[in-house]
Amino acid sequence: MTSRRDFMKQGSAALGASLLAGSSLAAIPRLLGASPAPDPRALELFADIPGVKELMNAALNAAKMAGASYADVRCSRQRQNFVFTREQQILQVVDTDTVGIGVRALVDGTWGFAATRVLTNDGAAAAAREAVAIAKASRIARARPIEWLPSPVVADGKWKGAYVQDPFDIPVEQKAELLLKANAAAMKTKNVKYVFSGFFFVKDERNYANTDGSVIQQDTVRSWPTMQITAVSADFSDFQNRANMIQPMARGWEYVLASDLVGNAPKWGEEAAAKLTAKPVDVGRYDLVLDPANLWLTIHESIGHPTELDRAMGYEANYAGTSFVAPPEKMLGTLKYGPSIMNVQGDRTQEGGLSTIGWDDDGVKPDEFLIVKNGMFNDYQTTREQAPWLRWWYDKNGRPVRSHGCSYAQGWDNVQFQRMPNVSLLPGEKDLSINDLVSATDRGILIQGDGSFSIDQQRFNAQFGGQTFHEIKGGKIVGVLKDVAYQIRTPDFWNSMDMIGGKSSYVLGGSFFDGKGQPPQVNAVSHGSPPARFKNVNVINTGRKA
C-alpha cells in the first residue's frame, strides 16, 4: 500500500505540475517526484502477459468473493524521462519507473479502492479485499447509490498509440546533445543571453480487466520538446522571453526530430529579441486573431474545464472549483456558448492527441461528441457513473445513455474518475487561413503562443497572455507589440467570434500537466483548433506600472 511519505511526494509533484502552465520552465525540475523504483521481479512479471492476466483474475475473484457486485483492476507501468539543459550545461536528468496494481470495487452502490506494489496473486487478492472493505466502510457516507451503466464487453482489446520510435530507446547522451546544439544555435542570436531547454517523455503500459469480462492491453507514449529563450537589452533595462514553441503530443522520438529544435532555434531567438524593441500595447479594445498555439489554452480553461460534469455538479468545489455551466437542466440546449459557426468536439480518438486512448479506465471505447453544437451547449464530459445523471437529456433528444469514455487515473495507485478528453474547436466550412483572417481585420492584434493566464473558480472571468504579438492595421501586420494580455467573460468572448479558419489551418495544442482531484492527479490533454477572430476584446498592458 502507498505510504504517507510516497503519497506526499507524489501529491506535491502532481500539484506542482498542475500549476505549470504559464510558469517559469526553470522551475520544472523542482516539481518532480517519484515512487521507489520497482523490484526487478515485478518488471519481469509485468512483461509476462499471461502472468498479468492471472494477477488480475485473482483480484477480480477475490473482490467478488468478498461481496463486490462489480470490480475492475488495472496493472500498469509508467516510465518518465526528463532531460533539462541551460546554455551548455546539463542541469538534470530524471528517470522514474513505477509498476503496480490497483483494484476498484462496487459494494451496495458504494466505491472502494486499494492498490499495491506486490505483484503476486496473494498481493492482488489482498488489495481487492481491502477495496471491498473500504467500500463497506464508506457506505455510511453515501448520499445515493451509484447507478453503474452497462458497457459492451471487450474480451481481448489491444491498442497502441501513434508513436513510431520509443524515446526510451534513445540514449540520454543523444537527447542531451540535441538540446545543447539547439541552445548553441539560439545563443548565436544578438541579445540572446539565456536558453533553457528540455525533453519530457512519458510511457504508459496499461492492463485492465473487469468483472463484466473485459480484458484490455494499451500502450502509449507522450513527448514534449521545449525551450525558453531569453533576450536582454544592451543596457540591461529589459528582458523578453520566447517559450512554448512546440506543442506536446502523443508521439515518439520521431516527433522530436520533426520539431527541428536546432534549425528553428535562431528564429525563436530572433522573436525573443524583437520584443525588446517592440511597442508597448495601448490599452483598449481590439479585434484579436488568435493562432491555435494560443487558442488551445483558452479552450482548455473556458470550455474544457467548465463542461466537466463532476465540476458542474459541485464535486470539485473544494479544490478545482465549480462551473458557470450549471446546473445541467438550465444549461443543456439553452446556453448560447457562441455563434452558429462554433462547434466544439470532445473525443479521445484524434491521432497524436494527449488524451487519446483505445478504451478508458472504465473499459469504455470513447466516442466523439459535440460539447457545443452550432453555438449551443449540447453535452458534458461523462463516465459510466455520470452518464445516467443526464438520462433525461439524452431521452429528450433520442440519444443513447452512454459514457463518453472520460474515465482516467494517473497511475495504478490512483482511483479513476472523470478527466478531460481532447476538447477541440472544429474548423469552419470555408478553408480560410490565418492570413485570410488578418487581411480581413482593420484594427487588431495577432497573438501566437500561450503565456501566463488567470481564471476564476467558475471559469467565467479570465485573462490570457501569449508569446508573440503583431499589430494589425488595414489588413496588414505593421509591427511587433509587447506586454499584451486579453480579458474575457467566457460567453461574451466566444459569442464575439466572427471568423474561423478551415481544415488546413487546424492544429493540435495541449497540456502535458493538467491537475484535478484530491489527492491530486495529473493528466495530459490536447486541444485542436483553427485560428479564429474575436471582435472588440479588451486588451490590457501587463508592463504598465500603477
Protein backbone atom coordinates (compact mmCIF):
# COMPACT_ATOMS: atom_id res chain seq x y z
CA MET A 1 0.00 0.00 0.00
CA THR A 2 1.13 3.59 -0.55
CA SER A 3 2.99 5.05 2.44
CA ARG A 4 2.36 8.57 3.72
CA ARG A 5 5.81 9.64 2.52
CA ASP A 6 5.16 8.33 -1.00
CA PHE A 7 1.73 9.95 -1.01
CA MET A 8 3.17 13.34 -0.09
CA LYS A 9 5.93 13.08 -2.72
CA GLN A 10 3.51 12.11 -5.47
CA GLY A 11 0.89 14.64 -4.38
CA SER A 12 3.38 17.50 -4.30
CA ALA A 13 4.67 16.61 -7.77
CA ALA A 14 1.16 16.43 -9.20
CA LEU A 15 0.13 19.76 -7.63
CA GLY A 16 3.24 21.49 -8.90
CA ALA A 17 2.77 20.09 -12.37
CA SER A 18 -0.85 21.22 -12.44
CA LEU A 19 0.33 24.79 -11.92
CA LEU A 20 2.99 24.57 -14.62
CA ALA A 21 1.19 26.32 -17.47
CA GLY A 22 2.46 29.88 -17.68
CA SER A 23 5.13 29.39 -15.04
CA SER A 24 8.89 29.55 -15.48
CA LEU A 25 10.21 26.43 -17.17
CA ALA A 26 13.30 26.71 -14.99
CA ALA A 27 11.14 25.67 -12.02
CA ILE A 28 10.19 22.33 -13.56
CA PRO A 29 12.95 20.18 -12.00
CA ARG A 30 11.81 21.16 -8.52
CA LEU A 31 8.31 19.86 -9.23
CA LEU A 32 9.17 16.26 -9.93
CA GLY A 33 8.71 13.36 -7.54
CA ALA A 34 8.55 9.60 -7.89
CA SER A 35 7.78 6.37 -6.11
CA PRO A 36 10.58 3.93 -5.31
CA ALA A 37 11.87 2.01 -8.34
CA PRO A 38 10.05 -1.27 -8.97
CA ASP A 39 11.55 -4.57 -7.92
CA PRO A 40 13.22 -6.35 -10.90
CA ARG A 41 10.95 -9.32 -10.26
CA ALA A 42 7.91 -7.06 -10.66
CA LEU A 43 9.19 -5.85 -14.05
CA GLU A 44 9.80 -9.45 -15.09
CA LEU A 45 6.26 -10.41 -14.14
CA PHE A 46 4.81 -7.32 -15.83
CA ALA A 47 6.41 -8.41 -19.11
CA ASP A 48 4.62 -11.78 -18.82
CA ILE A 49 1.12 -11.07 -20.22
CA PRO A 50 -0.40 -14.42 -19.14
CA GLY A 51 1.02 -13.78 -15.66
CA VAL A 52 -0.53 -10.31 -15.55
CA LYS A 53 -3.92 -11.71 -16.60
CA GLU A 54 -3.66 -14.29 -13.82
CA LEU A 55 -2.94 -11.49 -11.34
CA MET A 56 -5.96 -9.52 -12.50
CA ASN A 57 -8.19 -12.60 -12.32
CA ALA A 58 -7.01 -13.22 -8.77
CA ALA A 59 -8.01 -9.65 -7.83
CA LEU A 60 -11.42 -9.85 -9.51
CA ASN A 61 -12.24 -13.23 -7.98
CA ALA A 62 -11.23 -12.01 -4.51
CA ALA A 63 -13.39 -8.90 -4.90
CA LYS A 64 -16.44 -10.94 -5.92
CA MET A 65 -15.91 -13.44 -3.10
CA ALA A 66 -15.71 -10.52 -0.63
CA GLY A 67 -19.07 -9.14 -1.77
CA ALA A 68 -18.44 -6.77 -4.72
CA SER A 69 -21.20 -6.52 -7.31
CA TYR A 70 -18.66 -5.12 -9.77
CA ALA A 71 -14.88 -4.71 -9.74
CA ASP A 72 -12.14 -3.66 -12.10
CA VAL A 73 -8.38 -3.89 -11.89
CA ARG A 74 -5.52 -2.04 -13.54
CA CYS A 75 -2.00 -3.46 -13.62
CA SER A 76 0.21 -0.81 -15.18
CA ARG A 77 3.70 0.54 -15.58
CA GLN A 78 4.56 4.21 -16.09
CA ARG A 79 8.01 5.43 -17.04
CA GLN A 80 9.10 9.06 -17.17
CA ASN A 81 12.26 10.58 -18.55
CA PHE A 82 13.07 14.30 -18.33
CA VAL A 83 16.28 15.94 -19.57
CA PHE A 84 16.94 19.62 -18.78
CA THR A 85 19.73 21.87 -20.06
CA ARG A 86 20.74 25.51 -19.87
CA GLU A 87 23.13 27.07 -22.38
CA GLN A 88 25.93 24.44 -22.48
CA GLN A 89 25.13 22.79 -19.16
CA ILE A 90 23.14 19.65 -18.46
CA LEU A 91 21.04 20.67 -15.47
CA GLN A 92 19.24 17.48 -14.63
CA VAL A 93 18.26 14.06 -15.91
CA VAL A 94 15.25 12.46 -14.21
CA ASP A 95 14.12 8.87 -14.69
CA THR A 96 11.17 7.37 -12.85
CA ASP A 97 9.65 3.92 -13.17
CA THR A 98 6.68 2.57 -11.25
CA VAL A 99 4.63 -0.60 -11.59
CA GLY A 100 1.76 -1.95 -9.51
CA ILE A 101 -1.86 -2.97 -9.37
CA GLY A 102 -4.98 -1.04 -8.35
CA VAL A 103 -8.42 -2.53 -7.65
CA ARG A 104 -11.76 -0.71 -7.54
CA ALA A 105 -14.80 -2.45 -6.06
CA LEU A 106 -18.50 -1.52 -6.04
CA VAL A 107 -20.40 -2.77 -2.97
CA ASP A 108 -24.02 -1.82 -2.30
CA GLY A 109 -23.72 1.20 -4.61
CA THR A 110 -20.51 2.47 -2.96
CA TRP A 111 -16.94 2.54 -4.25
CA GLY A 112 -13.78 1.32 -2.57
CA PHE A 113 -10.25 1.38 -3.96
CA ALA A 114 -6.91 -0.08 -2.91
CA ALA A 115 -3.53 -0.58 -4.58
CA THR A 116 -0.30 -2.48 -4.06
CA ARG A 117 3.18 -2.96 -5.49
CA VAL A 118 3.14 -6.62 -4.52
CA LEU A 119 2.66 -8.32 -7.88
CA THR A 120 1.63 -11.76 -6.68
CA ASN A 121 -1.76 -13.46 -6.71
CA ASP A 122 -1.93 -13.08 -2.93
CA GLY A 123 -0.95 -9.41 -3.15
CA ALA A 124 -3.58 -8.68 -5.80
CA ALA A 125 -6.25 -10.56 -3.82
CA ALA A 126 -5.35 -8.69 -0.63
CA ALA A 127 -5.74 -5.33 -2.41
CA ALA A 128 -9.12 -6.45 -3.76
CA ARG A 129 -10.35 -7.43 -0.30
CA GLU A 130 -9.16 -4.09 1.08
CA ALA A 131 -11.04 -2.25 -1.70
CA VAL A 132 -14.22 -4.12 -0.72
CA ALA A 133 -13.66 -3.35 2.97
CA ILE A 134 -13.21 0.36 2.17
CA ALA A 135 -16.43 0.34 0.12
CA LYS A 136 -18.35 -1.21 3.01
CA ALA A 137 -16.90 1.30 5.48
CA SER A 138 -17.75 4.19 3.15
CA ARG A 139 -21.39 3.14 2.88
CA ILE A 140 -22.33 5.31 5.87
CA ALA A 141 -21.31 8.49 3.98
CA ARG A 142 -23.06 7.59 0.71
CA ALA A 143 -25.61 10.17 -0.45
CA ARG A 144 -27.19 7.90 -3.06
CA PRO A 145 -26.31 4.53 -4.60
CA ILE A 146 -24.21 4.58 -7.75
CA GLU A 147 -26.02 3.59 -10.94
CA TRP A 148 -23.38 1.72 -12.88
CA LEU A 149 -24.10 1.96 -16.59
CA PRO A 150 -23.65 -1.28 -18.58
CA SER A 151 -20.97 -1.20 -21.27
CA PRO A 152 -20.03 -3.63 -24.08
CA VAL A 153 -17.56 -6.35 -23.11
CA VAL A 154 -14.10 -6.18 -24.72
CA ALA A 155 -12.81 -9.74 -24.45
CA ASP A 156 -9.31 -9.18 -25.84
CA GLY A 157 -8.69 -5.49 -26.51
CA LYS A 158 -5.30 -4.28 -27.72
CA TRP A 159 -4.34 -0.69 -28.59
CA LYS A 160 -1.08 1.12 -29.30
CA GLY A 161 -0.57 4.88 -29.52
CA ALA A 162 0.60 6.76 -32.61
CA TYR A 163 4.30 6.77 -31.74
CA VAL A 164 6.83 5.20 -34.13
CA GLN A 165 10.14 5.37 -32.24
CA ASP A 166 10.12 4.81 -28.49
CA PRO A 167 12.02 7.71 -26.85
CA PHE A 168 13.02 5.36 -24.04
CA ASP A 169 15.21 3.53 -26.57
CA ILE A 170 17.19 6.73 -27.28
CA PRO A 171 20.38 7.15 -25.19
CA VAL A 172 20.36 10.10 -22.80
CA GLU A 173 23.63 11.30 -24.39
CA GLN A 174 21.84 11.69 -27.72
CA LYS A 175 19.00 13.62 -26.11
CA ALA A 176 21.35 15.96 -24.27
CA GLU A 177 23.50 16.52 -27.37
CA LEU A 178 20.46 17.62 -29.38
CA LEU A 179 19.38 20.06 -26.67
CA LEU A 180 22.85 21.57 -26.32
CA LYS A 181 23.09 22.05 -30.10
CA ALA A 182 19.74 23.84 -30.09
CA ASN A 183 20.88 26.03 -27.20
CA ALA A 184 24.07 26.95 -29.06
CA ALA A 185 22.07 27.84 -32.18
CA ALA A 186 19.78 30.13 -30.17
CA MET A 187 22.71 31.80 -28.39
CA LYS A 188 24.11 33.00 -31.73
CA THR A 189 21.22 35.45 -32.00
CA LYS A 190 22.02 39.02 -30.95
CA ASN A 191 20.86 39.87 -27.41
CA VAL A 192 20.02 36.25 -26.51
CA LYS A 193 21.71 35.61 -23.16
CA TYR A 194 19.96 32.61 -21.63
CA VAL A 195 18.44 29.43 -23.03
CA PHE A 196 16.65 26.70 -21.13
CA SER A 197 15.59 23.53 -22.96
CA GLY A 198 14.26 20.14 -22.08
CA PHE A 199 12.56 16.94 -23.07
CA PHE A 200 9.60 15.37 -21.31
CA PHE A 201 8.77 11.75 -22.11
CA VAL A 202 6.13 9.50 -20.55
CA LYS A 203 5.38 5.89 -21.44
CA ASP A 204 2.21 4.25 -20.13
CA GLU A 205 1.65 0.50 -20.41
CA ARG A 206 -1.77 -0.42 -19.05
CA ASN A 207 -3.55 -3.73 -18.49
CA TYR A 208 -7.21 -3.59 -17.49
CA ALA A 209 -9.85 -6.17 -16.63
CA ASN A 210 -13.31 -6.04 -15.07
CA THR A 211 -15.98 -8.41 -13.83
CA ASP A 212 -18.01 -7.73 -16.99
CA GLY A 213 -15.44 -9.83 -18.81
CA SER A 214 -13.33 -7.12 -20.47
CA VAL A 215 -9.56 -7.64 -20.75
CA ILE A 216 -7.57 -4.80 -22.37
CA GLN A 217 -3.90 -4.01 -23.09
CA GLN A 218 -2.81 -0.49 -24.06
CA ASP A 219 0.48 1.26 -24.71
CA THR A 220 1.05 4.96 -25.30
CA VAL A 221 3.93 7.46 -25.35
CA ARG A 222 3.82 11.21 -24.83
CA SER A 223 6.61 13.61 -25.84
CA TRP A 224 7.26 17.30 -25.29
CA PRO A 225 10.38 19.09 -26.53
CA THR A 226 10.54 22.58 -25.07
CA MET A 227 12.71 25.68 -24.99
CA GLN A 228 12.68 29.06 -23.27
CA ILE A 229 14.90 31.69 -24.87
CA THR A 230 15.64 34.95 -23.06
CA ALA A 231 16.89 38.11 -24.75
CA VAL A 232 18.34 41.01 -22.72
CA SER A 233 18.65 44.60 -23.88
CA ALA A 234 22.13 46.14 -24.19
CA ASP A 235 21.57 48.42 -21.20
CA PHE A 236 20.02 45.59 -19.13
CA SER A 237 16.82 47.57 -18.72
CA ASP A 238 14.57 44.93 -20.25
CA PHE A 239 14.40 41.21 -20.92
CA GLN A 240 11.94 39.23 -23.02
CA ASN A 241 11.21 35.51 -23.37
CA ARG A 242 10.10 33.23 -26.17
CA ALA A 243 8.82 29.92 -24.90
CA ASN A 244 6.29 27.13 -25.50
CA MET A 245 7.05 26.95 -29.21
CA ILE A 246 6.37 23.22 -29.63
CA GLN A 247 3.16 21.55 -28.55
CA PRO A 248 3.28 18.27 -26.59
CA MET A 249 1.96 15.27 -28.49
CA ALA A 250 1.27 11.57 -28.00
CA ARG A 251 4.06 10.66 -30.40
CA GLY A 252 7.61 9.38 -30.10
CA TRP A 253 11.20 10.39 -30.86
CA GLU A 254 10.23 10.97 -34.49
CA TYR A 255 8.18 13.97 -33.32
CA VAL A 256 11.22 15.45 -31.58
CA LEU A 257 13.27 15.18 -34.76
CA ALA A 258 10.48 16.66 -36.88
CA SER A 259 10.31 19.64 -34.50
CA ASP A 260 13.85 20.61 -35.63
CA LEU A 261 14.95 22.43 -32.49
CA VAL A 262 18.39 23.23 -33.92
CA GLY A 263 17.02 24.65 -37.17
CA ASN A 264 14.27 26.68 -35.52
CA ALA A 265 16.21 27.97 -32.50
CA PRO A 266 17.68 31.05 -34.28
CA LYS A 267 14.19 32.10 -35.44
CA TRP A 268 12.81 31.72 -31.93
CA GLY A 269 15.76 33.69 -30.58
CA GLU A 270 15.01 36.50 -33.03
CA GLU A 271 11.39 36.53 -31.89
CA ALA A 272 12.54 36.97 -28.29
CA ALA A 273 14.96 39.74 -29.28
CA ALA A 274 12.32 41.51 -31.38
CA LYS A 275 10.18 42.04 -28.27
CA LEU A 276 12.97 44.17 -26.75
CA THR A 277 12.25 46.93 -29.27
CA ALA A 278 8.54 46.19 -29.61
CA LYS A 279 5.98 48.90 -28.91
CA PRO A 280 4.09 48.51 -25.63
CA VAL A 281 0.46 47.92 -26.42
CA ASP A 282 -2.03 50.71 -25.84
CA VAL A 283 -4.88 49.53 -23.65
CA GLY A 284 -8.27 49.33 -25.28
CA ARG A 285 -10.46 47.08 -27.37
CA TYR A 286 -9.13 45.25 -30.39
CA ASP A 287 -10.18 42.57 -32.81
CA LEU A 288 -7.98 39.59 -31.94
CA VAL A 289 -6.73 36.98 -34.39
CA LEU A 290 -5.72 34.06 -32.21
CA ASP A 291 -3.37 31.39 -33.52
CA PRO A 292 -4.13 27.75 -32.49
CA ALA A 293 -0.95 27.81 -30.38
CA ASN A 294 -2.63 30.49 -28.25
CA LEU A 295 -6.25 29.45 -28.54
CA TRP A 296 -5.75 25.91 -27.19
CA LEU A 297 -5.23 27.24 -23.65
CA THR A 298 -8.33 29.45 -23.82
CA ILE A 299 -10.32 26.42 -24.98
CA HIS A 300 -8.88 24.34 -22.15
CA GLU A 301 -9.76 26.80 -19.41
CA SER A 302 -13.03 28.32 -20.65
CA ILE A 303 -14.62 25.28 -22.36
CA GLY A 304 -12.78 22.13 -21.27
CA HIS A 305 -12.95 22.61 -17.53
CA PRO A 306 -16.43 24.14 -17.12
CA THR A 307 -18.03 21.28 -19.12
CA GLU A 308 -16.70 18.54 -16.83
CA LEU A 309 -19.89 17.11 -15.35
CA ASP A 310 -18.48 16.42 -11.89
CA ARG A 311 -17.30 20.04 -11.65
CA ALA A 312 -20.71 21.30 -12.79
CA MET A 313 -22.37 19.13 -10.14
CA GLY A 314 -20.16 20.57 -7.40
CA TYR A 315 -17.85 17.61 -6.76
CA GLU A 316 -14.68 19.64 -7.41
CA ALA A 317 -15.70 22.75 -5.45
CA ASN A 318 -13.21 22.28 -2.64
CA TYR A 319 -10.13 22.11 -4.88
CA ALA A 320 -10.58 22.82 -8.56
CA GLY A 321 -13.69 24.97 -8.33
CA THR A 322 -17.16 24.87 -9.82
CA SER A 323 -18.60 25.84 -13.21
CA PHE A 324 -20.75 28.60 -14.61
CA VAL A 325 -22.23 25.89 -16.91
CA ALA A 326 -24.55 24.67 -14.15
CA PRO A 327 -26.98 23.32 -13.24
CA PRO A 328 -27.31 20.99 -16.25
CA GLU A 329 -31.10 21.31 -16.50
CA LYS A 330 -30.77 25.06 -17.05
CA MET A 331 -27.81 24.90 -19.44
CA LEU A 332 -28.19 21.96 -21.83
CA GLY A 333 -29.79 23.17 -25.05
CA THR A 334 -30.26 26.64 -23.56
CA LEU A 335 -26.83 28.25 -23.04
CA LYS A 336 -25.63 30.09 -26.15
CA TYR A 337 -21.92 29.43 -25.79
CA GLY A 338 -21.02 31.11 -29.08
CA PRO A 339 -22.11 31.87 -32.65
CA SER A 340 -23.55 29.28 -35.03
CA ILE A 341 -20.11 28.69 -36.57
CA MET A 342 -18.87 27.36 -33.21
CA ASN A 343 -18.72 23.58 -32.83
CA VAL A 344 -16.63 22.07 -30.04
CA GLN A 345 -15.92 18.35 -30.03
CA GLY A 346 -14.87 16.10 -27.19
CA ASP A 347 -13.05 12.92 -28.12
CA ARG A 348 -10.23 10.57 -27.20
CA THR A 349 -9.69 9.44 -30.79
CA GLN A 350 -7.54 12.09 -32.56
CA GLU A 351 -4.25 10.60 -33.65
CA GLY A 352 -1.45 12.11 -31.58
CA GLY A 353 -3.85 13.61 -29.04
CA LEU A 354 -2.53 13.54 -25.49
CA SER A 355 -5.81 12.14 -24.13
CA THR A 356 -6.26 9.68 -26.99
CA ILE A 357 -6.74 6.05 -25.95
CA GLY A 358 -8.43 2.89 -27.19
CA TRP A 359 -10.56 2.31 -24.06
CA ASP A 360 -10.90 4.43 -20.94
CA ASP A 361 -10.31 3.29 -17.35
CA ASP A 362 -13.94 2.10 -17.09
CA GLY A 363 -13.39 -0.21 -20.07
CA VAL A 364 -15.40 2.06 -22.41
CA LYS A 365 -14.47 2.77 -26.02
CA PRO A 366 -14.64 6.59 -26.23
CA ASP A 367 -16.85 8.27 -28.80
CA GLU A 368 -16.82 11.66 -30.48
CA PHE A 369 -19.43 14.06 -29.09
CA LEU A 370 -20.32 17.71 -29.58
CA ILE A 371 -19.97 19.73 -26.38
CA VAL A 372 -21.09 22.82 -28.30
CA LYS A 373 -23.24 22.36 -31.40
CA ASN A 374 -23.85 25.31 -33.69
CA GLY A 375 -23.10 27.63 -30.79
CA MET A 376 -25.45 25.96 -28.27
CA PHE A 377 -24.27 23.99 -25.25
CA ASN A 378 -25.04 20.36 -26.07
CA ASP A 379 -23.26 17.92 -23.74
CA TYR A 380 -20.91 17.34 -20.81
CA GLN A 381 -17.91 15.07 -20.42
CA THR A 382 -19.05 11.82 -18.74
CA THR A 383 -18.08 8.40 -17.37
CA ARG A 384 -20.12 5.21 -16.80
CA GLU A 385 -21.12 6.54 -13.39
CA GLN A 386 -22.03 10.03 -14.61
CA ALA A 387 -23.92 9.39 -17.87
CA PRO A 388 -27.12 8.28 -16.06
CA TRP A 389 -27.24 11.70 -14.38
CA LEU A 390 -28.15 13.11 -17.82
CA ARG A 391 -30.65 10.41 -18.79
CA TRP A 392 -33.43 13.00 -19.02
CA TRP A 393 -31.44 14.99 -21.61
CA TYR A 394 -30.45 12.01 -23.73
CA ASP A 395 -34.01 10.61 -23.66
CA LYS A 396 -35.39 14.00 -24.67
CA ASN A 397 -33.11 14.12 -27.70
CA GLY A 398 -33.43 10.46 -28.67
CA ARG A 399 -29.79 9.73 -27.86
CA PRO A 400 -28.47 6.64 -26.08
CA VAL A 401 -27.43 6.92 -22.46
CA ARG A 402 -23.73 6.07 -22.73
CA SER A 403 -20.44 7.17 -21.28
CA HIS A 404 -18.24 9.34 -23.47
CA GLY A 405 -15.20 7.38 -22.22
CA CYS A 406 -13.74 10.10 -19.97
CA SER A 407 -12.58 7.90 -17.06
CA TYR A 408 -8.86 8.14 -16.30
CA ALA A 409 -6.39 7.50 -13.48
CA GLN A 410 -2.87 8.88 -13.50
CA GLY A 411 -1.34 5.61 -12.36
CA TRP A 412 -2.00 2.18 -10.89
CA ASP A 413 -2.16 3.65 -7.38
CA ASN A 414 -4.76 6.31 -8.29
CA VAL A 415 -8.51 5.77 -8.43
CA GLN A 416 -10.04 6.63 -11.80
CA PHE A 417 -12.51 9.47 -12.18
CA GLN A 418 -13.73 11.87 -14.86
CA ARG A 419 -10.89 13.57 -16.71
CA MET A 420 -10.91 15.82 -19.72
CA PRO A 421 -10.84 14.25 -23.20
CA ASN A 422 -9.33 16.09 -26.15
CA VAL A 423 -11.60 19.16 -26.48
CA SER A 424 -11.32 20.93 -29.81
CA LEU A 425 -12.84 23.81 -31.73
CA LEU A 426 -13.76 22.37 -35.12
CA PRO A 427 -12.73 24.21 -38.31
CA GLY A 428 -15.21 26.18 -40.36
CA GLU A 429 -16.75 25.25 -43.71
CA LYS A 430 -14.62 27.74 -45.64
CA ASP A 431 -10.93 26.83 -45.79
CA LEU A 432 -9.68 30.17 -44.51
CA SER A 433 -6.06 30.62 -43.40
CA ILE A 434 -4.66 32.83 -40.66
CA ASN A 435 -3.57 35.26 -43.40
CA ASP A 436 -7.19 35.48 -44.57
CA LEU A 437 -8.26 36.44 -41.05
CA VAL A 438 -5.51 39.06 -40.77
CA SER A 439 -6.32 40.61 -44.15
CA ALA A 440 -9.99 40.95 -43.11
CA THR A 441 -9.07 42.80 -39.90
CA ASP A 442 -8.85 46.59 -39.84
CA ARG A 443 -7.54 47.18 -36.30
CA GLY A 444 -6.37 44.24 -34.29
CA ILE A 445 -3.65 42.08 -32.82
CA LEU A 446 -2.39 38.67 -33.95
CA ILE A 447 -1.42 36.60 -30.90
CA GLN A 448 0.69 33.46 -31.19
CA GLY A 449 1.80 31.06 -28.47
CA ASP A 450 0.47 30.65 -24.96
CA GLY A 451 1.61 32.63 -21.93
CA SER A 452 0.50 33.30 -18.39
CA PHE A 453 -3.19 33.20 -17.55
CA SER A 454 -5.63 33.65 -14.70
CA ILE A 455 -9.20 32.41 -14.37
CA ASP A 456 -11.80 32.36 -11.64
CA GLN A 457 -13.22 29.30 -9.90
CA GLN A 458 -16.27 29.14 -12.16
CA ARG A 459 -14.27 29.59 -15.39
CA PHE A 460 -16.24 32.72 -16.18
CA ASN A 461 -13.79 35.64 -15.91
CA ALA A 462 -10.25 35.20 -17.24
CA GLN A 463 -7.12 36.82 -18.59
CA PHE A 464 -4.70 35.31 -21.13
CA GLY A 465 -1.30 36.36 -22.41
CA GLY A 466 0.74 34.97 -25.28
CA GLN A 467 4.23 34.72 -26.75
CA THR A 468 4.34 37.00 -29.81
CA PHE A 469 2.05 39.89 -30.65
CA HIS A 470 1.69 41.61 -34.03
CA GLU A 471 -0.25 44.79 -34.61
CA ILE A 472 -2.75 44.70 -37.48
CA LYS A 473 -3.85 47.83 -39.36
CA GLY A 474 -5.85 47.87 -42.56
CA GLY A 475 -5.50 44.13 -43.05
CA LYS A 476 -1.71 44.13 -42.71
CA ILE A 477 0.79 43.39 -39.96
CA VAL A 478 2.56 46.66 -39.23
CA GLY A 479 4.75 45.89 -36.25
CA VAL A 480 5.53 43.93 -33.11
CA LEU A 481 3.86 44.62 -29.76
CA LYS A 482 4.65 43.55 -26.22
CA ASP A 483 3.00 43.43 -22.77
CA VAL A 484 -0.28 42.18 -24.27
CA ALA A 485 -2.99 40.28 -22.39
CA TYR A 486 -6.68 39.95 -23.18
CA GLN A 487 -9.54 39.77 -20.70
CA ILE A 488 -12.69 37.72 -21.22
CA ARG A 489 -16.06 36.82 -19.81
CA THR A 490 -16.42 33.35 -21.27
CA PRO A 491 -19.84 33.55 -23.04
CA ASP A 492 -19.22 37.11 -24.24
CA PHE A 493 -15.82 36.19 -25.61
CA TRP A 494 -16.94 33.13 -27.56
CA ASN A 495 -20.01 34.94 -28.89
CA SER A 496 -17.68 37.63 -30.27
CA MET A 497 -16.04 35.07 -32.61
CA ASP A 498 -16.97 36.04 -36.17
CA MET A 499 -14.36 34.30 -38.33
CA ILE A 500 -12.80 30.86 -38.12
CA GLY A 501 -10.13 29.06 -40.12
CA GLY A 502 -10.63 25.96 -42.22
CA LYS A 503 -9.38 22.37 -42.14
CA SER A 504 -5.91 23.15 -43.50
CA SER A 505 -5.27 25.58 -40.62
CA TYR A 506 -6.34 23.16 -37.84
CA VAL A 507 -3.55 22.42 -35.32
CA LEU A 508 -3.39 20.43 -32.07
CA GLY A 509 -2.10 22.16 -28.95
CA GLY A 510 -2.24 20.85 -25.43
CA SER A 511 -1.16 20.49 -21.84
CA PHE A 512 1.27 17.89 -20.52
CA PHE A 513 0.24 18.67 -16.94
CA ASP A 514 -3.42 19.22 -16.02
CA GLY A 515 -4.29 18.79 -12.35
CA LYS A 516 -7.54 17.75 -10.73
CA GLY A 517 -8.83 15.81 -7.74
CA GLN A 518 -7.96 15.23 -4.11
CA PRO A 519 -5.44 13.62 -3.77
CA PRO A 520 -4.34 15.48 -6.91
CA GLN A 521 -3.74 13.65 -10.16
CA VAL A 522 -2.21 14.85 -13.42
CA ASN A 523 -3.34 14.01 -16.93
CA ALA A 524 -2.35 15.21 -20.39
CA VAL A 525 -4.88 16.58 -22.87
CA SER A 526 -4.87 18.07 -26.37
CA HIS A 527 -6.97 20.88 -27.79
CA GLY A 528 -7.16 21.42 -31.53
CA SER A 529 -8.40 24.48 -33.33
CA PRO A 530 -8.02 26.60 -36.42
CA PRO A 531 -7.16 30.28 -36.00
CA ALA A 532 -10.17 32.41 -35.11
CA ARG A 533 -11.05 36.10 -34.91
CA PHE A 534 -12.78 37.72 -31.94
CA LYS A 535 -14.30 41.19 -32.14
CA ASN A 536 -13.84 44.07 -29.72
CA VAL A 537 -11.93 42.24 -26.96
CA ASN A 538 -10.49 44.18 -24.01
CA VAL A 539 -6.67 44.28 -24.05
CA ILE A 540 -4.51 45.41 -21.13
CA ASN A 541 -0.84 46.35 -20.85
CA THR A 542 0.89 43.92 -18.47
CA GLY A 543 4.04 46.04 -18.26
CA ARG A 544 2.36 49.23 -17.12
CA LYS A 545 3.13 50.28 -13.56
CA ALA A 546 0.48 51.71 -11.29
